[in-house]
C-alpha atoms as a PDB file:
ATOM      1  CA  UNK A   1    -249.738 -70.007  -3.473  1.00  0.00           C
ATOM      2  CA  UNK A   2    -247.233 -67.970  -1.409  1.00  0.00           C
ATOM      3  CA  UNK A   3    -248.492 -65.131   0.757  1.00  0.00           C
ATOM      4  CA  UNK A   4    -247.606 -61.618  -0.335  1.00  0.00           C
ATOM      5  CA  UNK A   5    -245.040 -60.025   1.982  1.00  0.00           C
ATOM      6  CA  UNK A   6    -246.424 -57.325   4.268  1.00  0.00           C
ATOM      7  CA  UNK A   7    -245.939 -53.855   2.857  1.00  0.00           C
ATOM      8  CA  UNK A   8    -243.103 -52.017   4.533  1.00  0.00           C
ATOM      9  CA  UNK A   9    -243.951 -48.520   5.774  1.00  0.00           C
ATOM     10  CA  UNK A  10    -242.322 -45.738   3.784  1.00  0.00           C
ATOM     11  CA  UNK A  11    -239.196 -44.729   5.729  1.00  0.00           C
ATOM     12  CA  UNK A  12    -239.525 -41.094   4.614  1.00  0.00           C
ATOM     13  CA  UNK A  13    -243.001 -40.913   6.152  1.00  0.00           C
ATOM     14  CA  UNK A  14    -241.815 -42.493   9.409  1.00  0.00           C
ATOM     15  CA  UNK A  15    -238.853 -40.157   9.976  1.00  0.00           C
ATOM     16  CA  UNK A  16    -239.693 -37.417  12.500  1.00  0.00           C
ATOM     17  CA  UNK A  17    -239.856 -33.870  11.150  1.00  0.00           C
ATOM     18  CA  UNK A  18    -239.731 -30.651  13.181  1.00  0.00           C
ATOM     19  CA  UNK A  19    -242.728 -28.318  12.694  1.00  0.00           C
ATOM     20  CA  UNK A  20    -241.872 -24.610  12.453  1.00  0.00           C
ATOM     21  CA  UNK A  21    -243.432 -21.939  14.678  1.00  0.00           C
ATOM     22  CA  UNK A  22    -246.601 -21.484  12.579  1.00  0.00           C
ATOM     23  CA  UNK A  23    -247.309 -25.219  12.369  1.00  0.00           C
ATOM     24  CA  UNK A  24    -246.373 -25.791  16.034  1.00  0.00           C
ATOM     25  CA  UNK A  25    -249.367 -23.659  17.047  1.00  0.00           C
ATOM     26  CA  UNK A  26    -251.573 -26.430  15.640  1.00  0.00           C
ATOM     27  CA  UNK A  27    -249.708 -29.744  16.051  1.00  0.00           C
ATOM     28  CA  UNK A  28    -247.329 -28.972  18.929  1.00  0.00           C
ATOM     29  CA  UNK A  29    -243.608 -28.314  18.877  1.00  0.00           C
ATOM     30  CA  UNK A  30    -242.283 -31.875  19.273  1.00  0.00           C
ATOM     31  CA  UNK A  31    -240.914 -33.697  16.212  1.00  0.00           C
ATOM     32  CA  UNK A  32    -243.533 -35.947  14.581  1.00  0.00           C
ATOM     33  CA  UNK A  33    -243.584 -38.383  11.668  1.00  0.00           C
ATOM     34  CA  UNK A  34    -245.373 -36.998   8.608  1.00  0.00           C
ATOM     35  CA  UNK A  35    -248.211 -39.457   9.232  1.00  0.00           C
ATOM     36  CA  UNK A  36    -248.722 -38.245  12.810  1.00  0.00           C
ATOM     37  CA  UNK A  37    -248.435 -34.639  11.680  1.00  0.00           C
ATOM     38  CA  UNK A  38    -251.133 -35.135   9.036  1.00  0.00           C
ATOM     39  CA  UNK A  39    -253.383 -36.904  11.560  1.00  0.00           C
ATOM     40  CA  UNK A  40    -253.035 -34.056  14.092  1.00  0.00           C
ATOM     41  CA  UNK A  41    -253.700 -31.485  11.371  1.00  0.00           C
ATOM     42  CA  UNK A  42    -256.891 -33.315  10.318  1.00  0.00           C
ATOM     43  CA  UNK A  43    -257.987 -33.675  13.948  1.00  0.00           C
ATOM     44  CA  UNK A  44    -257.634 -29.887  14.275  1.00  0.00           C
ATOM     45  CA  UNK A  45    -259.522 -29.239  11.006  1.00  0.00           C
ATOM     46  CA  UNK A  46    -262.398 -31.537  12.039  1.00  0.00           C
ATOM     47  CA  UNK A  47    -262.548 -30.271  15.644  1.00  0.00           C
ATOM     48  CA  UNK A  48    -262.860 -26.684  14.400  1.00  0.00           C
ATOM     49  CA  UNK A  49    -265.205 -27.457  11.474  1.00  0.00           C
ATOM     50  CA  UNK A  50    -262.801 -26.055   8.873  1.00  0.00           C
ATOM     51  CA  UNK A  51    -263.650 -28.452   6.055  1.00  0.00           C
ATOM     52  CA  UNK A  52    -265.783 -26.579   3.518  1.00  0.00           C
ATOM     53  CA  UNK A  53    -269.437 -27.689   3.686  1.00  0.00           C
ATOM     54  CA  UNK A  54    -270.095 -27.305  -0.068  1.00  0.00           C
ATOM     55  CA  UNK A  55    -266.797 -28.713  -1.355  1.00  0.00           C
ATOM     56  CA  UNK A  56    -265.272 -31.208   1.085  1.00  0.00           C
ATOM     57  CA  UNK A  57    -261.919 -31.021  -0.747  1.00  0.00           C
ATOM     58  CA  UNK A  58    -261.427 -27.455   0.429  1.00  0.00           C
ATOM     59  CA  UNK A  59    -260.093 -26.448   3.830  1.00  0.00           C
ATOM     60  CA  UNK A  60    -260.998 -23.029   5.256  1.00  0.00           C
ATOM     61  CA  UNK A  61    -258.229 -21.379   7.264  1.00  0.00           C
ATOM     62  CA  UNK A  62    -258.783 -19.951  10.727  1.00  0.00           C
ATOM     63  CA  UNK A  63    -256.349 -17.530  12.393  1.00  0.00           C
ATOM     64  CA  UNK A  64    -253.948 -20.367  13.344  1.00  0.00           C
ATOM     65  CA  UNK A  65    -253.981 -22.050   9.921  1.00  0.00           C
ATOM     66  CA  UNK A  66    -253.628 -18.903   7.813  1.00  0.00           C
ATOM     67  CA  UNK A  67    -249.836 -18.571   8.394  1.00  0.00           C
ATOM     68  CA  UNK A  68    -249.402 -22.272   7.490  1.00  0.00           C
ATOM     69  CA  UNK A  69    -251.431 -21.703   4.295  1.00  0.00           C
ATOM     70  CA  UNK A  70    -249.197 -18.710   3.403  1.00  0.00           C
ATOM     71  CA  UNK A  71    -251.992 -16.223   4.102  1.00  0.00           C
ATOM     72  CA  UNK A  72    -254.637 -17.956   1.952  1.00  0.00           C
ATOM     73  CA  UNK A  73    -258.118 -18.202   3.441  1.00  0.00           C
ATOM     74  CA  UNK A  74    -258.948 -21.451   1.616  1.00  0.00           C
ATOM     75  CA  UNK A  75    -256.847 -24.246   0.088  1.00  0.00           C
ATOM     76  CA  UNK A  76    -257.523 -27.673  -1.425  1.00  0.00           C
ATOM     77  CA  UNK A  77    -256.406 -30.833   0.383  1.00  0.00           C
ATOM     78  CA  UNK A  78    -253.627 -31.317  -2.186  1.00  0.00           C
ATOM     79  CA  UNK A  79    -252.448 -27.736  -1.838  1.00  0.00           C
ATOM     80  CA  UNK A  80    -252.501 -28.118   1.960  1.00  0.00           C
ATOM     81  CA  UNK A  81    -250.072 -31.061   1.812  1.00  0.00           C
ATOM     82  CA  UNK A  82    -247.643 -29.010  -0.283  1.00  0.00           C
ATOM     83  CA  UNK A  83    -247.940 -25.931   1.954  1.00  0.00           C
ATOM     84  CA  UNK A  84    -247.465 -27.949   5.166  1.00  0.00           C
ATOM     85  CA  UNK A  85    -244.257 -29.462   3.727  1.00  0.00           C
ATOM     86  CA  UNK A  86    -242.822 -25.955   3.631  1.00  0.00           C
ATOM     87  CA  UNK A  87    -243.321 -25.656   7.408  1.00  0.00           C
ATOM     88  CA  UNK A  88    -241.303 -28.697   8.502  1.00  0.00           C
ATOM     89  CA  UNK A  89    -237.600 -29.345   8.860  1.00  0.00           C
ATOM     90  CA  UNK A  90    -236.424 -32.911   8.275  1.00  0.00           C
END
């Protein structure tokens, strides 16, 4: 039985993107791949205890995250991904 070929990483996720000013306050201003960007964002959320205690799918915004979340004080994980995409330049 032949081995399955290793899955190739998604090229779109590997390509560095440039965070805008609001997002740079959290992840830094150097270009990052989307995967690295997401990891840094989650590190920030966990370090600052911003994941909602009652509903783990919700992220509470602090002063730095509010501009990234377009002024919302709480977003879902899925909403966060969409909002963050609006703050990067490919």
